């Protein structure tokens, strides 16, 4: 789900006139997204007027940053005739390259890369766009190891507080700007702590501890399902245990967070 802000389209029109001209060369932009705000709702990927800024300083600290590629056609015919499948595959190849090179460990936001094709009809003030997220299909598809449960059924309040605190510290130190979309989570049962750290720690833990590593992500979709319909006062609700990988979201700035339990 994507939301193209009118301010972005206005900026696109201005840049088409003053900067891009007849060039249809790729332009690097960025968008932002947050956690799913409530049941039966999603937080869309928002592309605003700040998308053209070289830095993501304009993104609210509670939102995650996603890099993207903008391609603006010169005519409506060019826009319609673009080979969208080929363009999408090219963006997917960039994600795969970042995974294989290890670049995504240093900058996890690269995993959220998107593609935006546009045409700005400046005479009639009409804008056309096509938004896409590259995704990888696994064969065979993965399966959920166990029924998802609320995180508060797995850990106590003191552990939840350590997770909130460490995530807030991680958010403040995030070099990419905004909240971290992907991060590592470690549980110390003896010390009764949950610690959120940069995603690069996940690989270190996986190698050192034979697969006992946990990864979290900020979830902007409503994937609750029947097992997630019950809410609690802490809004810590959505978890999906997936082998030794933790899937969920965590946003202490809004009083909400979640992670999954490794079986």
C-alpha atoms as a PDB file:
ATOM      1  CA  UNK A   1       0.000   0.000   0.000  1.00  0.00           C
ATOM      2  CA  UNK A   2       1.439   3.368  -1.073  1.00  0.00           C
ATOM      3  CA  UNK A   3       0.293   6.963  -0.665  1.00  0.00           C
ATOM      4  CA  UNK A   4       1.583   9.608  -3.074  1.00  0.00           C
ATOM      5  CA  UNK A   5       1.323  13.044  -1.483  1.00  0.00           C
ATOM      6  CA  UNK A   6       0.144  15.996  -3.587  1.00  0.00           C
ATOM      7  CA  UNK A   7       3.226  17.871  -2.399  1.00  0.00           C
ATOM      8  CA  UNK A   8       5.412  15.230  -4.046  1.00  0.00           C
ATOM      9  CA  UNK A   9       3.596  15.640  -7.358  1.00  0.00           C
ATOM     10  CA  UNK A  10       3.990  19.400  -7.126  1.00  0.00           C
ATOM     11  CA  UNK A  11       7.734  19.002  -6.561  1.00  0.00           C
ATOM     12  CA  UNK A  12       7.924  16.543  -9.457  1.00  0.00           C
ATOM     13  CA  UNK A  13       6.307  19.082 -11.792  1.00  0.00           C
ATOM     14  CA  UNK A  14       8.714  21.824 -10.735  1.00  0.00           C
ATOM     15  CA  UNK A  15      11.756  19.603 -11.155  1.00  0.00           C
ATOM     16  CA  UNK A  16      10.522  18.434 -14.544  1.00  0.00           C
ATOM     17  CA  UNK A  17      10.448  22.051 -15.722  1.00  0.00           C
ATOM     18  CA  UNK A  18      13.588  23.371 -14.028  1.00  0.00           C
ATOM     19  CA  UNK A  19      15.898  20.383 -13.738  1.00  0.00           C
ATOM     20  CA  UNK A  20      14.983  17.147 -15.535  1.00  0.00           C
ATOM     21  CA  UNK A  21      13.724  18.503 -18.851  1.00  0.00           C
ATOM     22  CA  UNK A  22      13.514  15.633 -21.345  1.00  0.00           C
ATOM     23  CA  UNK A  23      15.725  13.354 -19.264  1.00  0.00           C
ATOM     24  CA  UNK A  24      14.146  10.108 -18.084  1.00  0.00           C
ATOM     25  CA  UNK A  25      17.220   9.022 -16.119  1.00  0.00           C
ATOM     26  CA  UNK A  26      16.603   7.295 -12.751  1.00  0.00           C
ATOM     27  CA  UNK A  27      16.317   9.592  -9.724  1.00  0.00           C
ATOM     28  CA  UNK A  28      16.989   8.356  -6.204  1.00  0.00           C
ATOM     29  CA  UNK A  29      14.193   9.291  -3.781  1.00  0.00           C
ATOM     30  CA  UNK A  30      12.941   8.033  -0.427  1.00  0.00           C
ATOM     31  CA  UNK A  31       9.637   7.345   1.304  1.00  0.00           C
ATOM     32  CA  UNK A  32       8.580   6.655   4.888  1.00  0.00           C
ATOM     33  CA  UNK A  33       6.298   4.256   6.717  1.00  0.00           C
ATOM     34  CA  UNK A  34       5.275   3.468  10.277  1.00  0.00           C
ATOM     35  CA  UNK A  35       3.750   0.628  12.236  1.00  0.00           C
ATOM     36  CA  UNK A  36       0.207  -0.619  11.642  1.00  0.00           C
ATOM     37  CA  UNK A  37      -1.913   1.818  13.702  1.00  0.00           C
ATOM     38  CA  UNK A  38      -4.890  -0.433  14.480  1.00  0.00           C
ATOM     39  CA  UNK A  39      -6.818  -3.540  13.509  1.00  0.00           C
ATOM     40  CA  UNK A  40      -7.935  -3.836   9.866  1.00  0.00           C
ATOM     41  CA  UNK A  41      -5.710  -0.941   8.827  1.00  0.00           C
ATOM     42  CA  UNK A  42      -2.272  -0.499   7.325  1.00  0.00           C
ATOM     43  CA  UNK A  43       0.264   2.283   7.439  1.00  0.00           C
ATOM     44  CA  UNK A  44       1.010   3.095   3.779  1.00  0.00           C
ATOM     45  CA  UNK A  45       4.394   3.843   2.301  1.00  0.00           C
ATOM     46  CA  UNK A  46       4.227   7.640   2.059  1.00  0.00           C
ATOM     47  CA  UNK A  47       6.016   9.567  -0.688  1.00  0.00           C
ATOM     48  CA  UNK A  48       6.000  13.239   0.261  1.00  0.00           C
ATOM     49  CA  UNK A  49       7.632  16.454  -0.979  1.00  0.00           C
ATOM     50  CA  UNK A  50      10.752  15.667   1.094  1.00  0.00           C
ATOM     51  CA  UNK A  51      11.312  12.524  -1.007  1.00  0.00           C
ATOM     52  CA  UNK A  52      13.783  14.407  -3.232  1.00  0.00           C
ATOM     53  CA  UNK A  53      15.963  15.571  -0.314  1.00  0.00           C
ATOM     54  CA  UNK A  54      19.447  14.093  -0.248  1.00  0.00           C
ATOM     55  CA  UNK A  55      19.012  13.230   3.447  1.00  0.00           C
ATOM     56  CA  UNK A  56      16.027  11.862   5.349  1.00  0.00           C
ATOM     57  CA  UNK A  57      16.123  14.588   7.977  1.00  0.00           C
ATOM     58  CA  UNK A  58      12.540  15.541   7.170  1.00  0.00           C
ATOM     59  CA  UNK A  59      11.180  12.115   8.101  1.00  0.00           C
ATOM     60  CA  UNK A  60       9.574  12.007  11.587  1.00  0.00           C
ATOM     61  CA  UNK A  61      11.697  10.032  14.094  1.00  0.00           C
ATOM     62  CA  UNK A  62       8.925   7.468  14.611  1.00  0.00           C
ATOM     63  CA  UNK A  63       8.807   6.615  10.872  1.00  0.00           C
ATOM     64  CA  UNK A  64      11.066   4.265   8.913  1.00  0.00           C
ATOM     65  CA  UNK A  65      12.885   5.364   5.754  1.00  0.00           C
ATOM     66  CA  UNK A  66      12.770   3.386   2.507  1.00  0.00           C
ATOM     67  CA  UNK A  67      14.939   4.219  -0.544  1.00  0.00           C
ATOM     68  CA  UNK A  68      13.411   4.160  -4.003  1.00  0.00           C
ATOM     69  CA  UNK A  69      13.990   4.815  -7.675  1.00  0.00           C
ATOM     70  CA  UNK A  70      11.905   7.332  -9.640  1.00  0.00           C
ATOM     71  CA  UNK A  71      11.564   7.106 -13.422  1.00  0.00           C
ATOM     72  CA  UNK A  72       9.623   9.950 -15.045  1.00  0.00           C
ATOM     73  CA  UNK A  73       8.410   9.474 -18.625  1.00  0.00           C
ATOM     74  CA  UNK A  74       8.294  12.268 -21.170  1.00  0.00           C
ATOM     75  CA  UNK A  75       4.985  11.183 -22.694  1.00  0.00           C
ATOM     76  CA  UNK A  76       1.971   9.185 -21.627  1.00  0.00           C
ATOM     77  CA  UNK A  77       2.766   6.680 -24.370  1.00  0.00           C
ATOM     78  CA  UNK A  78       6.266   6.166 -22.956  1.00  0.00           C
ATOM     79  CA  UNK A  79       4.752   5.656 -19.497  1.00  0.00           C
ATOM     80  CA  UNK A  80       2.324   3.016 -20.785  1.00  0.00           C
ATOM     81  CA  UNK A  81       4.920   1.231 -22.905  1.00  0.00           C
ATOM     82  CA  UNK A  82       7.571   0.876 -20.202  1.00  0.00           C
ATOM     83  CA  UNK A  83       8.432  -2.751 -19.539  1.00  0.00           C
ATOM     84  CA  UNK A  84       7.322  -2.700 -15.912  1.00  0.00           C
ATOM     85  CA  UNK A  85       8.325  -6.305 -15.270  1.00  0.00           C
ATOM     86  CA  UNK A  86      11.871  -5.628 -16.440  1.00  0.00           C
ATOM     87  CA  UNK A  87      12.087  -2.445 -14.371  1.00  0.00           C
ATOM     88  CA  UNK A  88      10.849  -4.287 -11.290  1.00  0.00           C
ATOM     89  CA  UNK A  89      13.303  -7.123 -11.831  1.00  0.00           C
ATOM     90  CA  UNK A  90      16.127  -4.592 -12.083  1.00  0.00           C
ATOM     91  CA  UNK A  91      15.187  -3.127  -8.686  1.00  0.00           C
ATOM     92  CA  UNK A  92      14.927  -6.611  -7.202  1.00  0.00           C
ATOM     93  CA  UNK A  93      18.416  -7.321  -8.541  1.00  0.00           C
ATOM     94  CA  UNK A  94      19.698  -4.272  -6.647  1.00  0.00           C
ATOM     95  CA  UNK A  95      18.218  -5.608  -3.412  1.00  0.00           C
ATOM     96  CA  UNK A  96      19.754  -9.019  -4.037  1.00  0.00           C
ATOM     97  CA  UNK A  97      23.124  -7.421  -4.760  1.00  0.00           C
ATOM     98  CA  UNK A  98      22.960  -5.503  -1.470  1.00  0.00           C
ATOM     99  CA  UNK A  99      22.123  -8.722   0.370  1.00  0.00           C
ATOM    100  CA  UNK A 100      24.979 -10.674  -1.230  1.00  0.00           C
ATOM    101  CA  UNK A 101      27.523  -7.884  -0.757  1.00  0.00           C
ATOM    102  CA  UNK A 102      26.558  -7.360   2.881  1.00  0.00           C
ATOM    103  CA  UNK A 103      25.556  -3.745   2.287  1.00  0.00           C
ATOM    104  CA  UNK A 104      22.119  -4.397   3.775  1.00  0.00           C
ATOM    105  CA  UNK A 105      23.693  -5.293   7.127  1.00  0.00           C
ATOM    106  CA  UNK A 106      25.151  -1.799   7.376  1.00  0.00           C
ATOM    107  CA  UNK A 107      22.030  -0.139   5.908  1.00  0.00           C
ATOM    108  CA  UNK A 108      18.968  -2.385   6.440  1.00  0.00           C
ATOM    109  CA  UNK A 109      16.622   0.160   4.849  1.00  0.00           C
ATOM    110  CA  UNK A 110      17.917  -1.101   1.479  1.00  0.00           C
ATOM    111  CA  UNK A 111      15.709  -4.160   2.022  1.00  0.00           C
ATOM    112  CA  UNK A 112      12.650  -1.900   1.624  1.00  0.00           C
ATOM    113  CA  UNK A 113      13.596  -0.528  -1.788  1.00  0.00           C
ATOM    114  CA  UNK A 114      10.703   0.472  -4.072  1.00  0.00           C
ATOM    115  CA  UNK A 115      10.100   1.597  -7.666  1.00  0.00           C
ATOM    116  CA  UNK A 116       7.989   4.571  -8.794  1.00  0.00           C
ATOM    117  CA  UNK A 117       7.169   5.231 -12.462  1.00  0.00           C
ATOM    118  CA  UNK A 118       5.506   8.556 -13.270  1.00  0.00           C
ATOM    119  CA  UNK A 119       4.322  10.837 -16.026  1.00  0.00           C
ATOM    120  CA  UNK A 120       3.565  14.501 -15.315  1.00  0.00           C
ATOM    121  CA  UNK A 121       1.202  16.111 -17.815  1.00  0.00           C
ATOM    122  CA  UNK A 122       1.997  19.704 -16.910  1.00  0.00           C
ATOM    123  CA  UNK A 123      -0.433  21.202 -19.427  1.00  0.00           C
ATOM    124  CA  UNK A 124      -3.494  19.501 -17.985  1.00  0.00           C
ATOM    125  CA  UNK A 125      -2.064  19.183 -14.442  1.00  0.00           C
ATOM    126  CA  UNK A 126      -2.602  15.420 -14.482  1.00  0.00           C
ATOM    127  CA  UNK A 127      -0.156  12.962 -12.954  1.00  0.00           C
ATOM    128  CA  UNK A 128       0.098   9.246 -13.616  1.00  0.00           C
ATOM    129  CA  UNK A 129       2.087   6.842 -11.474  1.00  0.00           C
ATOM    130  CA  UNK A 130       2.833   3.148 -10.944  1.00  0.00           C
ATOM    131  CA  UNK A 131       4.248   2.075  -7.589  1.00  0.00           C
ATOM    132  CA  UNK A 132       5.825  -1.319  -6.900  1.00  0.00           C
ATOM    133  CA  UNK A 133       7.701  -3.212  -4.180  1.00  0.00           C
ATOM    134  CA  UNK A 134      10.105  -5.941  -5.339  1.00  0.00           C
ATOM    135  CA  UNK A 135       9.588  -9.213  -3.463  1.00  0.00           C
ATOM    136  CA  UNK A 136      11.334 -12.578  -3.566  1.00  0.00           C
ATOM    137  CA  UNK A 137       9.404 -15.819  -3.969  1.00  0.00           C
ATOM    138  CA  UNK A 138      10.899 -18.708  -2.005  1.00  0.00           C
ATOM    139  CA  UNK A 139      10.553 -22.266  -3.215  1.00  0.00           C
ATOM    140  CA  UNK A 140       9.289 -24.083  -1.299  1.00  0.00           C
ATOM    141  CA  UNK A 141       7.515 -21.283   0.597  1.00  0.00           C
ATOM    142  CA  UNK A 142       8.353 -20.963   4.300  1.00  0.00           C
ATOM    143  CA  UNK A 143       5.915 -22.158   6.942  1.00  0.00           C
ATOM    144  CA  UNK A 144       5.112 -20.797  10.400  1.00  0.00           C
ATOM    145  CA  UNK A 145       6.686 -22.993  13.074  1.00  0.00           C
ATOM    146  CA  UNK A 146       3.987 -22.407  15.688  1.00  0.00           C
ATOM    147  CA  UNK A 147       0.816 -20.444  16.351  1.00  0.00           C
ATOM    148  CA  UNK A 148       1.569 -16.709  16.857  1.00  0.00           C
ATOM    149  CA  UNK A 149       1.164 -15.456  20.411  1.00  0.00           C
ATOM    150  CA  UNK A 150       1.234 -12.057  22.104  1.00  0.00           C
ATOM    151  CA  UNK A 151       4.678 -11.060  23.272  1.00  0.00           C
ATOM    152  CA  UNK A 152       3.293 -10.307  26.732  1.00  0.00           C
ATOM    153  CA  UNK A 153       2.496 -14.019  27.033  1.00  0.00           C
ATOM    154  CA  UNK A 154       6.170 -14.824  26.544  1.00  0.00           C
ATOM    155  CA  UNK A 155       8.010 -12.149  28.519  1.00  0.00           C
ATOM    156  CA  UNK A 156       7.200 -10.113  31.612  1.00  0.00           C
ATOM    157  CA  UNK A 157       6.852  -6.352  31.957  1.00  0.00           C
ATOM    158  CA  UNK A 158      10.448  -5.806  33.071  1.00  0.00           C
ATOM    159  CA  UNK A 159      11.716  -7.457  29.888  1.00  0.00           C
ATOM    160  CA  UNK A 160       9.312  -5.392  27.812  1.00  0.00           C
ATOM    161  CA  UNK A 161      10.672  -2.241  29.389  1.00  0.00           C
ATOM    162  CA  UNK A 162      14.257  -3.170  28.495  1.00  0.00           C
ATOM    163  CA  UNK A 163      13.122  -3.744  24.896  1.00  0.00           C
ATOM    164  CA  UNK A 164      11.436  -0.339  24.754  1.00  0.00           C
ATOM    165  CA  UNK A 165      14.490   1.379  26.211  1.00  0.00           C
ATOM    166  CA  UNK A 166      17.014  -0.312  23.919  1.00  0.00           C
ATOM    167  CA  UNK A 167      14.845   0.273  20.842  1.00  0.00           C
ATOM    168  CA  UNK A 168      14.548   3.955  21.684  1.00  0.00           C
ATOM    169  CA  UNK A 169      18.332   4.189  21.981  1.00  0.00           C
ATOM    170  CA  UNK A 170      18.693   2.380  18.647  1.00  0.00           C
ATOM    171  CA  UNK A 171      16.242   4.775  16.999  1.00  0.00           C
ATOM    172  CA  UNK A 172      18.181   7.820  18.212  1.00  0.00           C
ATOM    173  CA  UNK A 173      21.460   6.420  16.890  1.00  0.00           C
ATOM    174  CA  UNK A 174      20.077   5.224  13.543  1.00  0.00           C
ATOM    175  CA  UNK A 175      22.432   6.665  10.915  1.00  0.00           C
ATOM    176  CA  UNK A 176      19.856   6.267   8.124  1.00  0.00           C
ATOM    177  CA  UNK A 177      17.406   8.585   9.848  1.00  0.00           C
ATOM    178  CA  UNK A 178      14.000   7.714  11.268  1.00  0.00           C
ATOM    179  CA  UNK A 179      13.193   4.519  13.106  1.00  0.00           C
ATOM    180  CA  UNK A 180      14.981   1.262  12.207  1.00  0.00           C
ATOM    181  CA  UNK A 181      12.853  -0.885   9.913  1.00  0.00           C
ATOM    182  CA  UNK A 182      14.910  -4.003  10.643  1.00  0.00           C
ATOM    183  CA  UNK A 183      16.866  -4.788  13.793  1.00  0.00           C
ATOM    184  CA  UNK A 184      18.283  -7.615  15.899  1.00  0.00           C
ATOM    185  CA  UNK A 185      16.749  -8.715  19.204  1.00  0.00           C
ATOM    186  CA  UNK A 186      18.470 -10.711  21.922  1.00  0.00           C
ATOM    187  CA  UNK A 187      16.892 -12.201  25.008  1.00  0.00           C
ATOM    188  CA  UNK A 188      18.861 -12.895  28.163  1.00  0.00           C
ATOM    189  CA  UNK A 189      16.497 -15.021  30.242  1.00  0.00           C
ATOM    190  CA  UNK A 190      18.805 -15.027  33.250  1.00  0.00           C
ATOM    191  CA  UNK A 191      19.119 -11.241  33.309  1.00  0.00           C
ATOM    192  CA  UNK A 192      15.472 -10.878  32.220  1.00  0.00           C
ATOM    193  CA  UNK A 193      16.307  -8.449  29.418  1.00  0.00           C
ATOM    194  CA  UNK A 194      15.388  -7.982  25.758  1.00  0.00           C
ATOM    195  CA  UNK A 195      17.845  -5.866  23.791  1.00  0.00           C
ATOM    196  CA  UNK A 196      17.359  -4.302  20.356  1.00  0.00           C
ATOM    197  CA  UNK A 197      20.571  -3.686  18.401  1.00  0.00           C
ATOM    198  CA  UNK A 198      21.536  -2.965  14.766  1.00  0.00           C
ATOM    199  CA  UNK A 199      20.630  -5.762  12.350  1.00  0.00           C
ATOM    200  CA  UNK A 200      24.310  -6.592  11.790  1.00  0.00           C
ATOM    201  CA  UNK A 201      24.355  -8.215  15.247  1.00  0.00           C
ATOM    202  CA  UNK A 202      21.904 -10.854  14.014  1.00  0.00           C
ATOM    203  CA  UNK A 203      24.520 -12.331  11.694  1.00  0.00           C
ATOM    204  CA  UNK A 204      27.126 -12.312  14.458  1.00  0.00           C
ATOM    205  CA  UNK A 205      24.803 -14.093  16.885  1.00  0.00           C
ATOM    206  CA  UNK A 206      23.717 -16.605  14.259  1.00  0.00           C
ATOM    207  CA  UNK A 207      27.312 -17.623  13.573  1.00  0.00           C
ATOM    208  CA  UNK A 208      28.390 -17.651  17.205  1.00  0.00           C
ATOM    209  CA  UNK A 209      25.361 -19.396  18.674  1.00  0.00           C
ATOM    210  CA  UNK A 210      24.460 -21.897  15.997  1.00  0.00           C
ATOM    211  CA  UNK A 211      21.290 -20.256  14.765  1.00  0.00           C
ATOM    212  CA  UNK A 212      19.968 -18.882  18.066  1.00  0.00           C
ATOM    213  CA  UNK A 213      19.429 -15.378  16.723  1.00  0.00           C
ATOM    214  CA  UNK A 214      16.381 -13.148  16.461  1.00  0.00           C
ATOM    215  CA  UNK A 215      15.499 -10.386  13.998  1.00  0.00           C
ATOM    216  CA  UNK A 216      12.666  -7.875  14.195  1.00  0.00           C
ATOM    217  CA  UNK A 217      11.070  -5.509  11.714  1.00  0.00           C
ATOM    218  CA  UNK A 218       8.647  -2.614  11.854  1.00  0.00           C
ATOM    219  CA  UNK A 219       5.389  -3.976  10.445  1.00  0.00           C
ATOM    220  CA  UNK A 220       3.162  -1.515   8.601  1.00  0.00           C
ATOM    221  CA  UNK A 221       0.490  -4.046   7.622  1.00  0.00           C
ATOM    222  CA  UNK A 222      -2.430  -5.602   9.466  1.00  0.00           C
ATOM    223  CA  UNK A 223      -1.395  -9.250   9.433  1.00  0.00           C
ATOM    224  CA  UNK A 224      -3.019 -10.049  12.753  1.00  0.00           C
ATOM    225  CA  UNK A 225      -5.305 -12.885  11.722  1.00  0.00           C
ATOM    226  CA  UNK A 226      -7.696 -14.681  14.087  1.00  0.00           C
ATOM    227  CA  UNK A 227      -5.017 -15.370  16.676  1.00  0.00           C
ATOM    228  CA  UNK A 228      -4.212 -11.657  17.022  1.00  0.00           C
ATOM    229  CA  UNK A 229      -7.661 -10.137  17.477  1.00  0.00           C
ATOM    230  CA  UNK A 230      -7.229  -9.609  21.213  1.00  0.00           C
ATOM    231  CA  UNK A 231      -5.525  -6.350  22.179  1.00  0.00           C
ATOM    232  CA  UNK A 232      -3.998  -5.444  25.513  1.00  0.00           C
ATOM    233  CA  UNK A 233      -3.447  -2.102  27.172  1.00  0.00           C
ATOM    234  CA  UNK A 234       0.183  -1.968  26.139  1.00  0.00           C
ATOM    235  CA  UNK A 235      -0.691  -2.399  22.442  1.00  0.00           C
ATOM    236  CA  UNK A 236       1.957  -5.103  22.269  1.00  0.00           C
ATOM    237  CA  UNK A 237       0.072  -7.491  20.106  1.00  0.00           C
ATOM    238  CA  UNK A 238       1.353  -8.702  16.776  1.00  0.00           C
ATOM    239  CA  UNK A 239       3.945 -11.465  16.752  1.00  0.00           C
ATOM    240  CA  UNK A 240       4.865 -14.227  14.359  1.00  0.00           C
ATOM    241  CA  UNK A 241       7.407 -16.799  15.543  1.00  0.00           C
ATOM    242  CA  UNK A 242       9.202 -17.992  12.440  1.00  0.00           C
ATOM    243  CA  UNK A 243      11.831 -20.541  13.325  1.00  0.00           C
ATOM    244  CA  UNK A 244      14.593 -18.662  15.121  1.00  0.00           C
ATOM    245  CA  UNK A 245      13.632 -15.361  13.486  1.00  0.00           C
ATOM    246  CA  UNK A 246      11.484 -12.820  15.293  1.00  0.00           C
ATOM    247  CA  UNK A 247       8.981 -10.999  13.143  1.00  0.00           C
ATOM    248  CA  UNK A 248       7.002  -8.049  14.418  1.00  0.00           C
ATOM    249  CA  UNK A 249       7.311  -4.368  15.120  1.00  0.00           C
ATOM    250  CA  UNK A 250       8.524  -2.112  17.882  1.00  0.00           C
ATOM    251  CA  UNK A 251       7.861   1.598  18.265  1.00  0.00           C
ATOM    252  CA  UNK A 252       8.250   2.877  21.840  1.00  0.00           C
ATOM    253  CA  UNK A 253       7.656   6.452  20.698  1.00  0.00           C
ATOM    254  CA  UNK A 254       3.996   5.542  20.313  1.00  0.00           C
ATOM    255  CA  UNK A 255       3.889   3.134  23.235  1.00  0.00           C
ATOM    256  CA  UNK A 256       3.755   0.080  21.002  1.00  0.00           C
ATOM    257  CA  UNK A 257       6.119  -2.761  20.224  1.00  0.00           C
ATOM    258  CA  UNK A 258       6.246  -6.386  19.375  1.00  0.00           C
ATOM    259  CA  UNK A 259       8.555  -9.234  18.559  1.00  0.00           C
ATOM    260  CA  UNK A 260       8.199 -12.942  18.030  1.00  0.00           C
ATOM    261  CA  UNK A 261       9.196 -15.875  20.197  1.00  0.00           C
ATOM    262  CA  UNK A 262      11.811 -18.296  19.001  1.00  0.00           C
ATOM    263  CA  UNK A 263      10.489 -21.816  19.665  1.00  0.00           C
END
